[in-house]
Each structure stands twice: as structure tokens, then as C-alpha cells.
Amino acid sequence: MPKDLIDKKIECPHCGHHIYLTLDSSAGDQDYYDECPACCHDIHINLHIDEYRQQLDLAVDSDDEQVF
């Protein structure tokens, strides 16, 4: 597996089902939605590449929280 591809296990914020994602860090920062195969709800996935600390920051949420 190329070093830009990282396998990550996440948990669906709706039902708790475990999902395996393959993250591609060569594509830069990413903000997208994926569907849970168990409950069919959308999962908001935000990937930020922190070049200063040389790490990936992954945020997973249901995207139904309201921010004021």
C-alpha cells in the first residue's frame, strides 16, 4: 500500500456501526459525505493534513448538530 493511503476504522455517529475507510492524503484536505452501510444515514468526514505536525486530523460527525 502506498504511504499516501491510510486505512482507518471509524464508528457511525448515528448507529455505532464500524466502517473501514481508506484515506488518501495525497489529495490534500477533504470534506465529504459517505453513507453508513448499516443505517443509510450520511456521515460527514473532514480530513485535514497538518503539515506542521506531520499528521492527519480526521473529524467524523453526523452533521446534524447546529452551531451558533
N, C-alpha and C. Protein backbone atom coordinates (compact mmCIF):
# COMPACT_ATOMS: atom_id res chain seq x y z
N MET A 1 0.85 -1.18 0.00
CA MET A 1 0.00 0.00 0.00
C MET A 1 0.90 1.24 0.00
N PRO A 2 0.60 2.20 -0.88
CA PRO A 2 1.39 3.44 -0.90
C PRO A 2 1.29 4.18 0.42
N LYS A 3 2.32 4.95 0.73
CA LYS A 3 2.35 5.65 2.01
C LYS A 3 1.28 6.74 2.12
N ASP A 4 0.72 7.20 0.97
CA ASP A 4 -0.32 8.22 0.99
C ASP A 4 -1.68 7.64 1.36
N LEU A 5 -1.84 6.31 1.30
CA LEU A 5 -3.10 5.67 1.64
C LEU A 5 -3.05 5.12 3.06
N ILE A 6 -4.07 5.47 3.83
CA ILE A 6 -4.11 5.08 5.24
C ILE A 6 -5.47 4.43 5.51
N ASP A 7 -5.48 3.23 6.07
CA ASP A 7 -6.72 2.58 6.47
C ASP A 7 -7.09 3.04 7.87
N LYS A 8 -8.35 3.39 8.05
CA LYS A 8 -8.81 3.89 9.35
C LYS A 8 -10.18 3.30 9.65
N LYS A 9 -10.36 2.82 10.87
CA LYS A 9 -11.66 2.32 11.31
C LYS A 9 -12.38 3.44 12.04
N ILE A 10 -13.61 3.75 11.60
CA ILE A 10 -14.41 4.78 12.25
C ILE A 10 -15.71 4.15 12.73
N GLU A 11 -16.45 4.91 13.51
CA GLU A 11 -17.74 4.46 14.01
C GLU A 11 -18.82 5.42 13.51
N CYS A 12 -19.90 4.87 13.00
CA CYS A 12 -21.00 5.70 12.52
C CYS A 12 -21.57 6.49 13.70
N PRO A 13 -21.69 7.82 13.57
CA PRO A 13 -22.21 8.63 14.67
C PRO A 13 -23.71 8.43 14.90
N HIS A 14 -24.38 7.76 13.98
CA HIS A 14 -25.81 7.52 14.11
C HIS A 14 -26.11 6.21 14.81
N CYS A 15 -25.46 5.11 14.34
CA CYS A 15 -25.83 3.78 14.85
C CYS A 15 -24.67 3.04 15.52
N GLY A 16 -23.43 3.55 15.40
CA GLY A 16 -22.29 2.91 16.05
C GLY A 16 -21.64 1.81 15.23
N HIS A 17 -22.14 1.56 14.03
CA HIS A 17 -21.56 0.54 13.15
C HIS A 17 -20.12 0.90 12.80
N HIS A 18 -19.22 -0.08 12.80
CA HIS A 18 -17.82 0.16 12.46
C HIS A 18 -17.65 0.11 10.95
N ILE A 19 -16.96 1.13 10.43
CA ILE A 19 -16.74 1.28 8.99
C ILE A 19 -15.24 1.46 8.77
N TYR A 20 -14.73 0.82 7.74
CA TYR A 20 -13.32 0.98 7.38
C TYR A 20 -13.21 1.93 6.19
N LEU A 21 -12.41 2.97 6.35
CA LEU A 21 -12.15 3.94 5.29
C LEU A 21 -10.71 3.84 4.84
N THR A 22 -10.48 4.09 3.57
CA THR A 22 -9.12 4.26 3.06
C THR A 22 -8.97 5.73 2.73
N LEU A 23 -8.12 6.41 3.48
CA LEU A 23 -7.90 7.85 3.31
C LEU A 23 -6.70 8.07 2.41
N ASP A 24 -6.85 9.00 1.47
CA ASP A 24 -5.78 9.33 0.53
C ASP A 24 -5.25 10.71 0.88
N SER A 25 -4.11 10.77 1.54
CA SER A 25 -3.55 12.05 1.97
C SER A 25 -2.91 12.82 0.82
N SER A 26 -2.70 12.19 -0.33
CA SER A 26 -2.09 12.90 -1.45
C SER A 26 -3.06 13.88 -2.11
N ALA A 27 -4.35 13.77 -1.80
CA ALA A 27 -5.36 14.64 -2.40
C ALA A 27 -5.57 15.92 -1.60
N GLY A 28 -4.81 16.13 -0.53
CA GLY A 28 -4.95 17.34 0.28
C GLY A 28 -6.14 17.26 1.23
N ASP A 29 -6.54 18.41 1.77
CA ASP A 29 -7.68 18.45 2.68
C ASP A 29 -8.94 17.99 1.95
N GLN A 30 -9.79 17.27 2.68
CA GLN A 30 -11.01 16.73 2.09
C GLN A 30 -12.18 16.94 3.02
N ASP A 31 -13.33 17.22 2.44
CA ASP A 31 -14.57 17.41 3.19
C ASP A 31 -15.68 16.77 2.36
N TYR A 32 -16.19 15.63 2.83
CA TYR A 32 -17.18 14.92 2.03
C TYR A 32 -18.14 14.13 2.91
N TYR A 33 -19.15 13.55 2.28
CA TYR A 33 -20.13 12.72 2.97
C TYR A 33 -20.04 11.31 2.43
N ASP A 34 -20.22 10.36 3.33
CA ASP A 34 -20.30 8.95 2.96
C ASP A 34 -21.54 8.39 3.65
N GLU A 35 -22.06 7.32 3.12
CA GLU A 35 -23.27 6.73 3.68
C GLU A 35 -22.93 5.50 4.49
N CYS A 36 -23.52 5.39 5.66
CA CYS A 36 -23.32 4.21 6.51
C CYS A 36 -24.02 3.02 5.85
N PRO A 37 -23.33 1.89 5.66
CA PRO A 37 -23.96 0.74 5.04
C PRO A 37 -25.00 0.07 5.94
N ALA A 38 -24.97 0.34 7.23
CA ALA A 38 -25.91 -0.30 8.15
C ALA A 38 -27.21 0.49 8.30
N CYS A 39 -27.12 1.83 8.52
CA CYS A 39 -28.33 2.62 8.78
C CYS A 39 -28.68 3.58 7.64
N CYS A 40 -27.81 3.69 6.63
CA CYS A 40 -28.02 4.52 5.43
C CYS A 40 -28.06 6.02 5.72
N HIS A 41 -27.61 6.46 6.88
CA HIS A 41 -27.54 7.90 7.16
C HIS A 41 -26.20 8.44 6.65
N ASP A 42 -26.21 9.73 6.32
CA ASP A 42 -24.98 10.38 5.87
C ASP A 42 -24.03 10.62 7.02
N ILE A 43 -22.74 10.41 6.75
CA ILE A 43 -21.68 10.66 7.71
C ILE A 43 -20.79 11.74 7.12
N HIS A 44 -20.58 12.82 7.88
CA HIS A 44 -19.72 13.91 7.44
C HIS A 44 -18.29 13.58 7.82
N ILE A 45 -17.41 13.58 6.83
CA ILE A 45 -15.99 13.24 7.04
C ILE A 45 -15.16 14.44 6.61
N ASN A 46 -14.32 14.91 7.54
CA ASN A 46 -13.45 16.05 7.26
C ASN A 46 -12.02 15.63 7.57
N LEU A 47 -11.17 15.66 6.55
CA LEU A 47 -9.77 15.28 6.68
C LEU A 47 -8.91 16.51 6.46
N HIS A 48 -8.10 16.83 7.45
CA HIS A 48 -7.18 17.97 7.35
C HIS A 48 -5.76 17.45 7.50
N ILE A 49 -4.90 17.88 6.59
CA ILE A 49 -3.50 17.48 6.64
C ILE A 49 -2.73 18.59 7.33
N ASP A 50 -2.20 18.28 8.50
CA ASP A 50 -1.42 19.24 9.29
C ASP A 50 0.05 19.01 8.94
N GLU A 51 0.55 19.81 8.01
CA GLU A 51 1.93 19.64 7.55
C GLU A 51 2.94 20.04 8.61
N TYR A 52 2.57 20.98 9.48
CA TYR A 52 3.49 21.43 10.51
C TYR A 52 3.79 20.29 11.49
N ARG A 53 2.76 19.59 11.95
CA ARG A 53 2.93 18.48 12.89
C ARG A 53 3.07 17.14 12.18
N GLN A 54 2.97 17.15 10.84
CA GLN A 54 3.08 15.96 10.01
C GLN A 54 2.12 14.86 10.46
N GLN A 55 0.84 15.23 10.53
CA GLN A 55 -0.18 14.26 10.90
C GLN A 55 -1.49 14.60 10.21
N LEU A 56 -2.40 13.64 10.22
CA LEU A 56 -3.73 13.83 9.66
C LEU A 56 -4.72 14.06 10.80
N ASP A 57 -5.59 15.04 10.64
CA ASP A 57 -6.65 15.28 11.59
C ASP A 57 -7.95 14.85 10.93
N LEU A 58 -8.64 13.87 11.52
CA LEU A 58 -9.87 13.33 10.96
C LEU A 58 -11.01 13.64 11.89
N ALA A 59 -12.06 14.28 11.36
CA ALA A 59 -13.26 14.57 12.13
C ALA A 59 -14.43 13.85 11.46
N VAL A 60 -15.18 13.11 12.27
CA VAL A 60 -16.34 12.37 11.78
C VAL A 60 -17.53 12.77 12.62
N ASP A 61 -18.61 13.22 11.96
CA ASP A 61 -19.81 13.59 12.71
C ASP A 61 -21.05 13.34 11.88
N SER A 62 -22.19 13.50 12.53
CA SER A 62 -23.47 13.26 11.86
C SER A 62 -23.94 14.47 11.08
N ASP A 63 -23.31 15.61 11.28
CA ASP A 63 -23.62 16.86 10.60
C ASP A 63 -25.04 17.34 10.85
N ASP A 64 -25.64 16.90 11.95
CA ASP A 64 -26.96 17.41 12.29
C ASP A 64 -26.92 18.29 13.54
N GLU A 65 -25.70 18.57 14.02
CA GLU A 65 -25.56 19.48 15.14
C GLU A 65 -25.60 20.90 14.61
N GLN A 66 -26.26 21.78 15.34
CA GLN A 66 -26.33 23.18 14.93
C GLN A 66 -25.28 23.96 15.69
N VAL A 67 -24.56 24.81 14.94
CA VAL A 67 -23.53 25.64 15.54
C VAL A 67 -24.00 27.09 15.49
N PHE A 68 -23.94 27.77 16.63
CA PHE A 68 -24.37 29.16 16.69
C PHE A 68 -23.19 30.06 16.95
